[in-house]
Amino acid sequence: MNEQLQDMDVFLRTMHILENRINELIRSSDLSEQQKQFILNHILVIPGKDAPLEWKQK
């Protein structure tokens, strides 16, 4: 049970990191505010098979 909670914690932290990074990238793009908002309102973040970003940054 504890291992499942740790897995869920890693998953949720990874999702948070991905969502923040995507938001930063969209906000810093040359798109119009309307285009940025459309993307942010409709994007669905799905983690891939790659290692969590926090592991790569270490």
C-alpha atoms as a PDB file:
ATOM      1  CA  MET A   1       0.000   0.000   0.000  1.00  0.00           C
ATOM      2  CA  ASN A   2       2.802   2.423   0.902  1.00  0.00           C
ATOM      3  CA  GLU A   3       4.517   1.691  -2.415  1.00  0.00           C
ATOM      4  CA  GLN A   4       1.307   2.566  -4.265  1.00  0.00           C
ATOM      5  CA  LEU A   5       1.126   5.887  -2.450  1.00  0.00           C
ATOM      6  CA  GLN A   6       4.740   6.618  -3.378  1.00  0.00           C
ATOM      7  CA  ASP A   7       4.016   5.762  -7.023  1.00  0.00           C
ATOM      8  CA  MET A   8       0.998   8.074  -6.992  1.00  0.00           C
ATOM      9  CA  ASP A   9       3.070  10.838  -5.402  1.00  0.00           C
ATOM     10  CA  VAL A  10       5.732  10.520  -8.109  1.00  0.00           C
ATOM     11  CA  PHE A  11       3.035  10.559 -10.780  1.00  0.00           C
ATOM     12  CA  LEU A  12       1.358  13.673  -9.361  1.00  0.00           C
ATOM     13  CA  ARG A  13       4.678  15.514  -8.930  1.00  0.00           C
ATOM     14  CA  THR A  14       5.595  14.621 -12.520  1.00  0.00           C
ATOM     15  CA  MET A  15       2.254  15.914 -13.789  1.00  0.00           C
ATOM     16  CA  HIS A  16       2.742  19.159 -11.872  1.00  0.00           C
ATOM     17  CA  ILE A  17       6.220  19.657 -13.340  1.00  0.00           C
ATOM     18  CA  LEU A  18       4.985  18.894 -16.867  1.00  0.00           C
ATOM     19  CA  GLU A  19       1.986  21.212 -16.585  1.00  0.00           C
ATOM     20  CA  ASN A  20       4.143  24.067 -15.284  1.00  0.00           C
ATOM     21  CA  ARG A  21       6.739  23.594 -18.018  1.00  0.00           C
ATOM     22  CA  ILE A  22       4.105  23.461 -20.769  1.00  0.00           C
ATOM     23  CA  ASN A  23       2.464  26.576 -19.357  1.00  0.00           C
ATOM     24  CA  GLU A  24       5.834  28.390 -19.361  1.00  0.00           C
ATOM     25  CA  LEU A  25       6.516  27.363 -22.954  1.00  0.00           C
ATOM     26  CA  ILE A  26       3.098  28.476 -24.179  1.00  0.00           C
ATOM     27  CA  ARG A  27       3.243  31.775 -22.285  1.00  0.00           C
ATOM     28  CA  SER A  28       6.681  32.570 -23.723  1.00  0.00           C
ATOM     29  CA  SER A  29       5.655  31.796 -27.305  1.00  0.00           C
ATOM     30  CA  ASP A  30       4.873  34.357 -30.001  1.00  0.00           C
ATOM     31  CA  LEU A  31       1.245  33.278 -30.168  1.00  0.00           C
ATOM     32  CA  SER A  32      -1.517  35.771 -29.521  1.00  0.00           C
ATOM     33  CA  GLU A  33      -3.083  35.833 -26.061  1.00  0.00           C
ATOM     34  CA  GLN A  34      -6.242  34.341 -27.551  1.00  0.00           C
ATOM     35  CA  GLN A  35      -4.281  31.461 -29.108  1.00  0.00           C
ATOM     36  CA  LYS A  36      -2.366  30.836 -25.880  1.00  0.00           C
ATOM     37  CA  GLN A  37      -5.561  30.785 -23.847  1.00  0.00           C
ATOM     38  CA  PHE A  38      -7.219  28.422 -26.318  1.00  0.00           C
ATOM     39  CA  ILE A  39      -4.336  25.964 -26.016  1.00  0.00           C
ATOM     40  CA  LEU A  40      -4.230  26.212 -22.232  1.00  0.00           C
ATOM     41  CA  ASN A  41      -7.991  25.638 -22.030  1.00  0.00           C
ATOM     42  CA  HIS A  42      -7.884  22.549 -24.248  1.00  0.00           C
ATOM     43  CA  ILE A  43      -4.569  20.862 -23.557  1.00  0.00           C
ATOM     44  CA  LEU A  44      -4.439  17.465 -21.925  1.00  0.00           C
ATOM     45  CA  VAL A  45      -1.113  16.535 -20.349  1.00  0.00           C
ATOM     46  CA  ILE A  46      -0.257  12.847 -20.568  1.00  0.00           C
ATOM     47  CA  PRO A  47       3.092  11.749 -19.165  1.00  0.00           C
ATOM     48  CA  GLY A  48       5.228   9.697 -21.500  1.00  0.00           C
ATOM     49  CA  LYS A  49       7.529   6.794 -20.896  1.00  0.00           C
ATOM     50  CA  ASP A  50      10.513   9.022 -20.220  1.00  0.00           C
ATOM     51  CA  ALA A  51      11.918   9.423 -16.711  1.00  0.00           C
ATOM     52  CA  PRO A  52      10.299  12.152 -14.588  1.00  0.00           C
ATOM     53  CA  LEU A  53      11.801  15.568 -15.276  1.00  0.00           C
ATOM     54  CA  GLU A  54      12.917  16.027 -11.697  1.00  0.00           C
ATOM     55  CA  TRP A  55      15.281  13.052 -12.097  1.00  0.00           C
ATOM     56  CA  LYS A  56      16.797  14.567 -15.238  1.00  0.00           C
ATOM     57  CA  GLN A  57      17.450  17.928 -13.600  1.00  0.00           C
ATOM     58  CA  LYS A  58      19.623  16.401 -10.873  1.00  0.00           C
END
